[in-house]
Amino acid sequence: MTPLRFTLIYWMSDNQWQGKLMEHPDIRAEADSLEALQHAIKINFMQKVMADVPEDHAVRTIMI
């Protein structure tokens, strides 16, 4: 699968890094480090996008 590019908006609040994706502001996370924040955002994105997709699925790139 081709990697997707999104813009992570992040800030420090109460000694925690918090962030969300600019393109998907409902995908948010918080963590102790920027690396952990990025990892948590990736997990949250995949859980939201793949929540109803069966494990045995196909992927195809299309032009719109």
N, C-alpha and C. Protein backbone atom coordinates (compact mmCIF):
# COMPACT_ATOMS: atom_id res chain seq x y z
N MET A 1 0.84 -1.18 0.00
CA MET A 1 0.00 0.00 0.00
C MET A 1 0.89 1.24 0.00
N THR A 2 0.56 2.19 -0.84
CA THR A 2 1.32 3.43 -0.93
C THR A 2 1.12 4.25 0.34
N PRO A 3 2.21 4.74 0.93
CA PRO A 3 2.07 5.58 2.13
C PRO A 3 1.24 6.83 1.84
N LEU A 4 0.44 7.23 2.78
CA LEU A 4 -0.36 8.44 2.66
C LEU A 4 0.33 9.56 3.41
N ARG A 5 0.14 10.78 2.95
CA ARG A 5 0.74 11.94 3.60
C ARG A 5 -0.36 12.82 4.18
N PHE A 6 -0.22 13.15 5.46
CA PHE A 6 -1.15 14.03 6.14
C PHE A 6 -0.36 15.05 6.94
N THR A 7 -1.03 16.10 7.34
CA THR A 7 -0.40 17.16 8.13
C THR A 7 -0.79 16.96 9.59
N LEU A 8 0.21 16.77 10.45
CA LEU A 8 -0.02 16.61 11.89
C LEU A 8 0.12 17.97 12.56
N ILE A 9 -0.95 18.41 13.22
CA ILE A 9 -0.91 19.62 14.03
C ILE A 9 -0.69 19.15 15.46
N TYR A 10 0.33 19.69 16.15
CA TYR A 10 0.60 19.20 17.50
C TYR A 10 1.03 20.33 18.42
N TRP A 11 0.84 20.10 19.72
CA TRP A 11 1.16 21.09 20.73
C TRP A 11 1.36 20.39 22.06
N MET A 12 2.01 21.10 22.98
CA MET A 12 2.25 20.58 24.33
C MET A 12 1.18 21.14 25.25
N SER A 13 0.55 20.26 26.03
CA SER A 13 -0.46 20.66 27.00
C SER A 13 -0.39 19.72 28.19
N ASP A 14 -0.26 20.28 29.38
CA ASP A 14 -0.18 19.48 30.61
C ASP A 14 0.89 18.40 30.51
N ASN A 15 2.08 18.75 30.02
CA ASN A 15 3.22 17.84 29.88
C ASN A 15 2.95 16.66 28.96
N GLN A 16 1.99 16.79 28.06
CA GLN A 16 1.68 15.75 27.07
C GLN A 16 1.65 16.41 25.69
N TRP A 17 2.18 15.70 24.71
CA TRP A 17 2.03 16.13 23.33
C TRP A 17 0.63 15.72 22.88
N GLN A 18 -0.08 16.66 22.31
CA GLN A 18 -1.40 16.39 21.77
C GLN A 18 -1.39 16.77 20.29
N GLY A 19 -2.19 16.07 19.51
CA GLY A 19 -2.21 16.40 18.10
C GLY A 19 -3.41 15.83 17.38
N LYS A 20 -3.58 16.30 16.15
CA LYS A 20 -4.64 15.82 15.28
C LYS A 20 -4.20 16.00 13.84
N LEU A 21 -4.86 15.30 12.95
CA LEU A 21 -4.56 15.43 11.53
C LEU A 21 -5.37 16.59 10.95
N MET A 22 -4.71 17.49 10.24
CA MET A 22 -5.40 18.64 9.65
C MET A 22 -6.50 18.16 8.69
N GLU A 23 -6.20 17.14 7.92
CA GLU A 23 -7.14 16.65 6.92
C GLU A 23 -8.26 15.80 7.53
N HIS A 24 -8.05 15.29 8.73
CA HIS A 24 -9.03 14.47 9.45
C HIS A 24 -9.01 14.90 10.92
N PRO A 25 -9.58 16.06 11.25
CA PRO A 25 -9.45 16.59 12.61
C PRO A 25 -10.09 15.72 13.69
N ASP A 26 -10.91 14.76 13.30
CA ASP A 26 -11.49 13.86 14.29
C ASP A 26 -10.51 12.78 14.72
N ILE A 27 -9.38 12.66 14.05
CA ILE A 27 -8.34 11.70 14.43
C ILE A 27 -7.33 12.44 15.29
N ARG A 28 -7.36 12.14 16.58
CA ARG A 28 -6.56 12.84 17.59
C ARG A 28 -5.82 11.83 18.45
N ALA A 29 -4.80 12.33 19.15
CA ALA A 29 -4.08 11.47 20.10
C ALA A 29 -3.28 12.36 21.05
N GLU A 30 -2.78 11.73 22.11
CA GLU A 30 -1.85 12.39 23.02
C GLU A 30 -0.82 11.37 23.46
N ALA A 31 0.39 11.87 23.77
CA ALA A 31 1.48 10.96 24.14
C ALA A 31 2.57 11.74 24.86
N ASP A 32 3.53 10.98 25.42
CA ASP A 32 4.64 11.59 26.17
C ASP A 32 5.74 12.14 25.27
N SER A 33 5.83 11.66 24.03
CA SER A 33 6.87 12.14 23.10
C SER A 33 6.26 12.34 21.72
N LEU A 34 6.96 13.09 20.88
CA LEU A 34 6.48 13.31 19.51
C LEU A 34 6.44 12.01 18.73
N GLU A 35 7.43 11.15 18.95
CA GLU A 35 7.46 9.87 18.25
C GLU A 35 6.25 9.02 18.64
N ALA A 36 5.95 9.00 19.94
CA ALA A 36 4.80 8.23 20.41
C ALA A 36 3.49 8.84 19.91
N LEU A 37 3.45 10.17 19.80
CA LEU A 37 2.26 10.84 19.27
C LEU A 37 2.02 10.44 17.81
N GLN A 38 3.08 10.45 17.01
CA GLN A 38 2.95 10.05 15.61
C GLN A 38 2.48 8.60 15.50
N HIS A 39 3.02 7.75 16.33
CA HIS A 39 2.62 6.34 16.31
C HIS A 39 1.14 6.20 16.69
N ALA A 40 0.71 6.92 17.72
CA ALA A 40 -0.68 6.86 18.17
C ALA A 40 -1.63 7.39 17.09
N ILE A 41 -1.23 8.45 16.40
CA ILE A 41 -2.05 9.01 15.32
C ILE A 41 -2.19 7.98 14.20
N LYS A 42 -1.09 7.31 13.85
CA LYS A 42 -1.14 6.28 12.79
C LYS A 42 -2.10 5.16 13.19
N ILE A 43 -2.01 4.70 14.44
CA ILE A 43 -2.88 3.63 14.92
C ILE A 43 -4.34 4.09 14.87
N ASN A 44 -4.62 5.30 15.37
CA ASN A 44 -5.99 5.81 15.38
C ASN A 44 -6.54 5.95 13.97
N PHE A 45 -5.70 6.40 13.04
CA PHE A 45 -6.14 6.54 11.64
C PHE A 45 -6.50 5.17 11.07
N MET A 46 -5.62 4.20 11.23
CA MET A 46 -5.88 2.88 10.67
C MET A 46 -7.11 2.23 11.32
N GLN A 47 -7.29 2.41 12.62
CA GLN A 47 -8.46 1.84 13.29
C GLN A 47 -9.74 2.46 12.74
N LYS A 48 -9.72 3.76 12.50
CA LYS A 48 -10.92 4.42 11.99
C LYS A 48 -11.19 4.02 10.54
N VAL A 49 -10.16 4.03 9.72
CA VAL A 49 -10.33 3.73 8.29
C VAL A 49 -10.64 2.26 8.06
N MET A 50 -10.00 1.38 8.82
CA MET A 50 -10.12 -0.06 8.57
C MET A 50 -11.11 -0.75 9.50
N ALA A 51 -11.86 0.01 10.29
CA ALA A 51 -12.74 -0.57 11.30
C ALA A 51 -13.72 -1.60 10.74
N ASP A 52 -14.28 -1.33 9.59
CA ASP A 52 -15.30 -2.23 9.05
C ASP A 52 -14.83 -3.03 7.83
N VAL A 53 -13.51 -3.06 7.61
CA VAL A 53 -12.95 -3.78 6.47
C VAL A 53 -12.48 -5.16 6.95
N PRO A 54 -12.93 -6.23 6.29
CA PRO A 54 -12.49 -7.56 6.71
C PRO A 54 -10.99 -7.76 6.48
N GLU A 55 -10.39 -8.65 7.24
CA GLU A 55 -8.96 -8.89 7.13
C GLU A 55 -8.56 -9.35 5.73
N ASP A 56 -9.41 -10.11 5.08
CA ASP A 56 -9.16 -10.59 3.72
C ASP A 56 -9.79 -9.60 2.74
N HIS A 57 -9.03 -8.55 2.39
CA HIS A 57 -9.55 -7.51 1.49
C HIS A 57 -8.54 -7.21 0.39
N ALA A 58 -9.00 -6.53 -0.63
CA ALA A 58 -8.14 -6.13 -1.76
C ALA A 58 -8.01 -4.61 -1.76
N VAL A 59 -6.93 -4.13 -2.38
CA VAL A 59 -6.69 -2.68 -2.50
C VAL A 59 -6.38 -2.37 -3.96
N ARG A 60 -6.96 -1.28 -4.44
CA ARG A 60 -6.71 -0.86 -5.82
C ARG A 60 -6.64 0.67 -5.84
N THR A 61 -5.69 1.21 -6.58
CA THR A 61 -5.58 2.64 -6.77
C THR A 61 -6.46 3.04 -7.95
N ILE A 62 -7.27 4.07 -7.73
CA ILE A 62 -8.14 4.54 -8.81
C ILE A 62 -7.92 6.05 -9.02
N MET A 63 -8.23 6.53 -10.18
CA MET A 63 -8.16 7.95 -10.50
C MET A 63 -9.58 8.51 -10.51
N ILE A 64 -9.77 9.62 -9.86
CA ILE A 64 -11.09 10.26 -9.82
C ILE A 64 -10.98 11.64 -10.43
